[in-house]
Amino acid sequence: MIDTATMVGKSKVAQRAGVDKRAPARKRFILGGALVLSAAGLGLAGWWLLQPKGLEPGFASGNGRIEAVEIDVAAKTPGRLDDILVNEGDFVTRGQIVARMDTRVLTLASG
């Protein structure tokens, strides 16, 4: 007697020959999965190889919180600046001249 449950999805000839029609679809699925995994692996390998190997001398890396100190500079007398000797972000030391005032107005007023 023939079991009708096993005949679903198979022709009678394929059933007699033992051939499964779903085999090509299964092969395509496996091949597609292999291609996707290969592409993902190549992408990951490329990303890993293109990462910088380390920091240049003088740089440090880490996690944490950085607190900056901002200092306001004020002059004893108001006036215009003639020259600024440092750029924003430069390191300065105590006593270093960072700007020169235009003293022409002060000289005229006192003289």
N, C-alpha and C. Protein backbone atom coordinates (compact mmCIF):
# COMPACT_ATOMS: atom_id res chain seq x y z
N MET A 1 0.82 -1.16 0.00
CA MET A 1 0.00 0.00 0.00
C MET A 1 0.88 1.25 0.00
N ILE A 2 0.44 2.30 -0.72
CA ILE A 2 1.20 3.54 -0.85
C ILE A 2 0.71 4.53 0.18
N ASP A 3 1.66 5.09 0.89
CA ASP A 3 1.33 6.10 1.89
C ASP A 3 1.17 7.44 1.19
N THR A 4 -0.03 8.03 1.27
CA THR A 4 -0.29 9.29 0.58
C THR A 4 0.43 10.46 1.23
N ALA A 5 0.81 10.35 2.46
CA ALA A 5 1.51 11.43 3.15
C ALA A 5 2.90 11.63 2.56
N THR A 6 3.54 10.54 2.10
CA THR A 6 4.87 10.67 1.52
C THR A 6 4.81 11.13 0.08
N MET A 7 3.65 11.08 -0.56
CA MET A 7 3.51 11.47 -1.96
C MET A 7 3.38 12.99 -2.11
N VAL A 8 3.08 13.70 -1.04
CA VAL A 8 2.91 15.15 -1.12
C VAL A 8 4.24 15.78 -1.53
N GLY A 9 4.23 16.56 -2.62
CA GLY A 9 5.43 17.24 -3.08
C GLY A 9 6.27 16.40 -4.01
N LYS A 10 5.93 15.17 -4.27
CA LYS A 10 6.71 14.31 -5.15
C LYS A 10 5.79 13.74 -6.21
N SER A 11 6.33 13.65 -7.43
CA SER A 11 5.55 12.96 -8.46
C SER A 11 5.71 11.46 -8.26
N LYS A 12 4.84 10.70 -8.92
CA LYS A 12 4.91 9.24 -8.77
C LYS A 12 6.22 8.70 -9.32
N VAL A 13 6.69 9.30 -10.44
CA VAL A 13 7.95 8.83 -11.03
C VAL A 13 9.11 9.15 -10.11
N ALA A 14 9.09 10.37 -9.57
CA ALA A 14 10.17 10.77 -8.66
C ALA A 14 10.13 9.95 -7.40
N GLN A 15 8.90 9.60 -6.97
CA GLN A 15 8.76 8.81 -5.76
C GLN A 15 9.33 7.41 -5.98
N ARG A 16 9.05 6.84 -7.15
CA ARG A 16 9.57 5.50 -7.44
C ARG A 16 11.09 5.53 -7.59
N ALA A 17 11.60 6.61 -8.18
CA ALA A 17 13.04 6.69 -8.42
C ALA A 17 13.79 7.13 -7.17
N GLY A 18 13.10 7.63 -6.16
CA GLY A 18 13.76 8.08 -4.93
C GLY A 18 14.36 9.47 -5.07
N VAL A 19 13.84 10.27 -6.01
CA VAL A 19 14.35 11.62 -6.24
C VAL A 19 13.48 12.61 -5.50
N ASP A 20 14.09 13.54 -4.81
CA ASP A 20 13.37 14.57 -4.06
C ASP A 20 13.44 15.88 -4.83
N LYS A 21 12.29 16.49 -5.17
CA LYS A 21 12.26 17.74 -5.92
C LYS A 21 12.78 18.91 -5.09
N ARG A 22 12.80 18.79 -3.81
CA ARG A 22 13.24 19.88 -2.95
C ARG A 22 14.76 19.97 -2.86
N ALA A 23 15.49 19.01 -3.40
CA ALA A 23 16.95 19.00 -3.31
C ALA A 23 17.59 20.22 -3.97
N PRO A 24 17.19 20.65 -5.19
CA PRO A 24 17.81 21.85 -5.76
C PRO A 24 17.56 23.11 -4.93
N ALA A 25 16.37 23.25 -4.37
CA ALA A 25 16.08 24.41 -3.53
C ALA A 25 16.94 24.39 -2.28
N ARG A 26 17.16 23.25 -1.73
CA ARG A 26 17.99 23.11 -0.54
C ARG A 26 19.44 23.47 -0.88
N LYS A 27 19.91 23.04 -2.05
CA LYS A 27 21.28 23.36 -2.46
C LYS A 27 21.44 24.87 -2.67
N ARG A 28 20.43 25.51 -3.27
CA ARG A 28 20.49 26.96 -3.46
C ARG A 28 20.51 27.68 -2.12
N PHE A 29 19.73 27.20 -1.17
CA PHE A 29 19.69 27.80 0.16
C PHE A 29 21.05 27.67 0.84
N ILE A 30 21.64 26.52 0.76
CA ILE A 30 22.96 26.30 1.39
C ILE A 30 24.02 27.14 0.69
N LEU A 31 23.98 27.20 -0.65
CA LEU A 31 24.94 28.00 -1.40
C LEU A 31 24.78 29.48 -1.08
N GLY A 32 23.55 29.96 -1.00
CA GLY A 32 23.29 31.36 -0.65
C GLY A 32 23.79 31.68 0.75
N GLY A 33 23.54 30.78 1.69
CA GLY A 33 24.03 30.99 3.06
C GLY A 33 25.54 31.03 3.11
N ALA A 34 26.18 30.14 2.33
CA ALA A 34 27.64 30.13 2.30
C ALA A 34 28.18 31.42 1.72
N LEU A 35 27.52 31.94 0.68
CA LEU A 35 27.96 33.21 0.09
C LEU A 35 27.80 34.37 1.06
N VAL A 36 26.70 34.40 1.78
CA VAL A 36 26.48 35.47 2.77
C VAL A 36 27.52 35.39 3.87
N LEU A 37 27.79 34.21 4.37
CA LEU A 37 28.80 34.06 5.42
C LEU A 37 30.19 34.42 4.92
N SER A 38 30.50 34.07 3.67
CA SER A 38 31.80 34.41 3.09
C SER A 38 31.95 35.92 2.97
N ALA A 39 30.89 36.59 2.48
CA ALA A 39 30.95 38.05 2.34
C ALA A 39 31.10 38.71 3.71
N ALA A 40 30.39 38.21 4.70
CA ALA A 40 30.51 38.77 6.05
C ALA A 40 31.92 38.55 6.60
N GLY A 41 32.48 37.38 6.36
CA GLY A 41 33.83 37.08 6.82
C GLY A 41 34.87 37.97 6.15
N LEU A 42 34.72 38.19 4.83
CA LEU A 42 35.65 39.06 4.12
C LEU A 42 35.51 40.51 4.60
N GLY A 43 34.29 40.95 4.85
CA GLY A 43 34.09 42.30 5.37
C GLY A 43 34.72 42.48 6.73
N LEU A 44 34.55 41.50 7.60
CA LEU A 44 35.14 41.57 8.94
C LEU A 44 36.67 41.54 8.87
N ALA A 45 37.21 40.69 8.00
CA ALA A 45 38.67 40.62 7.85
C ALA A 45 39.22 41.94 7.32
N GLY A 46 38.55 42.53 6.34
CA GLY A 46 38.99 43.82 5.80
C GLY A 46 38.93 44.91 6.85
N TRP A 47 37.84 44.95 7.62
CA TRP A 47 37.71 45.95 8.69
C TRP A 47 38.83 45.79 9.71
N TRP A 48 39.11 44.56 10.08
CA TRP A 48 40.13 44.29 11.09
C TRP A 48 41.52 44.68 10.58
N LEU A 49 41.80 44.39 9.30
CA LEU A 49 43.12 44.71 8.74
C LEU A 49 43.32 46.21 8.55
N LEU A 50 42.25 46.96 8.34
CA LEU A 50 42.38 48.39 8.10
C LEU A 50 42.36 49.23 9.38
N GLN A 51 42.20 48.61 10.53
CA GLN A 51 42.21 49.34 11.80
C GLN A 51 43.63 49.81 12.11
N PRO A 52 43.78 51.00 12.69
CA PRO A 52 45.12 51.46 13.08
C PRO A 52 45.72 50.51 14.11
N LYS A 53 47.00 50.27 13.94
CA LYS A 53 47.68 49.30 14.82
C LYS A 53 47.98 49.86 16.20
N GLY A 54 48.09 51.15 16.31
CA GLY A 54 48.39 51.73 17.63
C GLY A 54 48.45 53.24 17.51
N LEU A 55 48.68 53.86 18.62
CA LEU A 55 48.76 55.31 18.65
C LEU A 55 50.18 55.77 18.40
N GLU A 56 50.29 56.96 17.84
CA GLU A 56 51.60 57.54 17.61
C GLU A 56 52.21 57.94 18.95
N PRO A 57 53.53 58.08 19.00
CA PRO A 57 54.17 58.50 20.26
C PRO A 57 53.61 59.83 20.74
N GLY A 58 53.39 59.92 22.04
CA GLY A 58 52.88 61.15 22.64
C GLY A 58 51.38 61.15 22.83
N PHE A 59 50.69 60.10 22.36
CA PHE A 59 49.25 60.02 22.52
C PHE A 59 48.92 58.89 23.48
N ALA A 60 47.83 59.05 24.20
CA ALA A 60 47.38 58.03 25.14
C ALA A 60 45.94 57.68 24.82
N SER A 61 45.53 56.51 25.23
CA SER A 61 44.16 56.06 24.98
C SER A 61 43.58 55.53 26.28
N GLY A 62 42.28 55.70 26.43
CA GLY A 62 41.64 55.18 27.63
C GLY A 62 40.20 55.65 27.71
N ASN A 63 39.54 55.17 28.70
CA ASN A 63 38.17 55.58 28.97
C ASN A 63 38.15 56.39 30.26
N GLY A 64 37.24 57.31 30.33
CA GLY A 64 37.15 58.08 31.56
C GLY A 64 36.56 59.44 31.31
N ARG A 65 36.74 60.31 32.25
CA ARG A 65 36.17 61.65 32.19
C ARG A 65 37.30 62.66 32.22
N ILE A 66 37.23 63.62 31.33
CA ILE A 66 38.25 64.65 31.27
C ILE A 66 37.63 65.97 31.69
N GLU A 67 38.29 66.64 32.60
CA GLU A 67 37.83 67.96 33.02
C GLU A 67 38.87 68.98 32.60
N ALA A 68 38.44 69.96 31.84
CA ALA A 68 39.36 71.00 31.37
C ALA A 68 39.24 72.22 32.28
N VAL A 69 40.30 72.95 32.35
CA VAL A 69 40.31 74.18 33.12
C VAL A 69 40.34 75.33 32.13
N GLU A 70 39.38 76.22 32.24
CA GLU A 70 39.33 77.39 31.37
C GLU A 70 39.66 78.60 32.23
N ILE A 71 40.58 79.40 31.74
CA ILE A 71 41.03 80.56 32.50
C ILE A 71 40.72 81.80 31.70
N ASP A 72 40.06 82.77 32.33
CA ASP A 72 39.79 84.06 31.70
C ASP A 72 40.95 84.99 32.00
N VAL A 73 41.35 85.73 30.99
CA VAL A 73 42.45 86.68 31.13
C VAL A 73 41.86 88.08 31.03
N ALA A 74 42.27 88.95 31.95
CA ALA A 74 41.79 90.33 31.95
C ALA A 74 42.97 91.28 32.11
N ALA A 75 42.84 92.43 31.50
CA ALA A 75 43.88 93.46 31.62
C ALA A 75 43.48 94.48 32.69
N LYS A 76 44.45 95.19 33.23
CA LYS A 76 44.18 96.20 34.25
C LYS A 76 43.48 97.41 33.64
N THR A 77 43.81 97.72 32.39
CA THR A 77 43.18 98.86 31.71
C THR A 77 42.54 98.35 30.41
N PRO A 78 41.40 98.95 30.04
CA PRO A 78 40.76 98.50 28.80
C PRO A 78 41.50 99.02 27.58
N GLY A 79 41.40 98.31 26.49
CA GLY A 79 42.04 98.75 25.26
C GLY A 79 41.94 97.67 24.19
N ARG A 80 42.55 97.95 23.06
CA ARG A 80 42.54 97.01 21.94
C ARG A 80 43.84 96.22 21.92
N LEU A 81 43.74 95.02 21.39
CA LEU A 81 44.93 94.19 21.25
C LEU A 81 45.64 94.53 19.96
N ASP A 82 46.96 94.59 20.04
CA ASP A 82 47.79 94.87 18.87
C ASP A 82 48.24 93.56 18.23
N ASP A 83 48.55 92.56 19.06
CA ASP A 83 49.06 91.29 18.53
C ASP A 83 48.70 90.16 19.50
N ILE A 84 48.27 89.04 18.96
CA ILE A 84 48.02 87.83 19.77
C ILE A 84 49.12 86.84 19.44
N LEU A 85 49.84 86.41 20.45
CA LEU A 85 51.04 85.60 20.25
C LEU A 85 50.80 84.08 20.35
N VAL A 86 49.62 83.66 20.74
CA VAL A 86 49.33 82.23 20.84
C VAL A 86 48.05 81.93 20.08
N ASN A 87 47.85 80.68 19.76
CA ASN A 87 46.63 80.22 19.10
C ASN A 87 45.74 79.51 20.10
N GLU A 88 44.48 79.41 19.75
CA GLU A 88 43.53 78.69 20.62
C GLU A 88 43.99 77.24 20.75
N GLY A 89 44.03 76.74 21.97
CA GLY A 89 44.43 75.37 22.23
C GLY A 89 45.91 75.19 22.53
N ASP A 90 46.72 76.24 22.35
CA ASP A 90 48.15 76.14 22.65
C ASP A 90 48.36 76.02 24.16
N PHE A 91 49.42 75.33 24.53
CA PHE A 91 49.80 75.25 25.93
C PHE A 91 50.62 76.49 26.27
N VAL A 92 50.33 77.10 27.38
CA VAL A 92 51.09 78.27 27.83
C VAL A 92 51.61 78.01 29.23
N THR A 93 52.65 78.75 29.58
CA THR A 93 53.23 78.59 30.91
C THR A 93 53.03 79.90 31.68
N ARG A 94 53.21 79.82 32.97
CA ARG A 94 53.05 81.00 33.83
C ARG A 94 54.09 82.05 33.44
N GLY A 95 53.62 83.26 33.26
CA GLY A 95 54.51 84.36 32.92
C GLY A 95 54.72 84.55 31.42
N GLN A 96 54.23 83.66 30.60
CA GLN A 96 54.40 83.78 29.16
C GLN A 96 53.50 84.90 28.62
N ILE A 97 54.04 85.72 27.74
CA ILE A 97 53.26 86.80 27.13
C ILE A 97 52.39 86.17 26.04
N VAL A 98 51.07 86.39 26.16
CA VAL A 98 50.15 85.79 25.20
C VAL A 98 49.59 86.82 24.22
N ALA A 99 49.64 88.11 24.57
CA ALA A 99 49.14 89.16 23.67
C ALA A 99 49.80 90.48 24.02
N ARG A 100 49.79 91.40 23.05
CA ARG A 100 50.31 92.75 23.28
C ARG A 100 49.18 93.74 23.02
N MET A 101 49.05 94.71 23.93
CA MET A 101 48.01 95.73 23.79
C MET A 101 48.50 96.88 22.91
N ASP A 102 47.53 97.48 22.23
CA ASP A 102 47.81 98.69 21.46
C ASP A 102 47.85 99.85 22.46
N THR A 103 49.03 100.41 22.71
CA THR A 103 49.19 101.42 23.75
C THR A 103 49.19 102.85 23.21
N ARG A 104 48.87 103.05 21.94
CA ARG A 104 48.88 104.40 21.38
C ARG A 104 47.86 105.31 22.08
N VAL A 105 46.67 104.78 22.36
CA VAL A 105 45.64 105.59 23.02
C VAL A 105 46.08 105.93 24.44
N LEU A 106 46.68 105.00 25.16
CA LEU A 106 47.14 105.26 26.52
C LEU A 106 48.28 106.27 26.53
N THR A 107 49.15 106.21 25.54
CA THR A 107 50.27 107.14 25.48
C THR A 107 49.78 108.56 25.21
N LEU A 108 48.77 108.71 24.32
CA LEU A 108 48.21 110.03 24.02
C LEU A 108 47.48 110.61 25.22
N ALA A 109 46.79 109.75 25.98
CA ALA A 109 46.02 110.22 27.13
C ALA A 109 46.93 110.66 28.27
N SER A 110 48.07 110.04 28.44
CA SER A 110 48.95 110.39 29.54
C SER A 110 49.90 111.53 29.18
N GLY A 111 50.09 111.81 27.92
CA GLY A 111 51.10 112.76 27.51
C GLY A 111 50.61 114.08 27.20
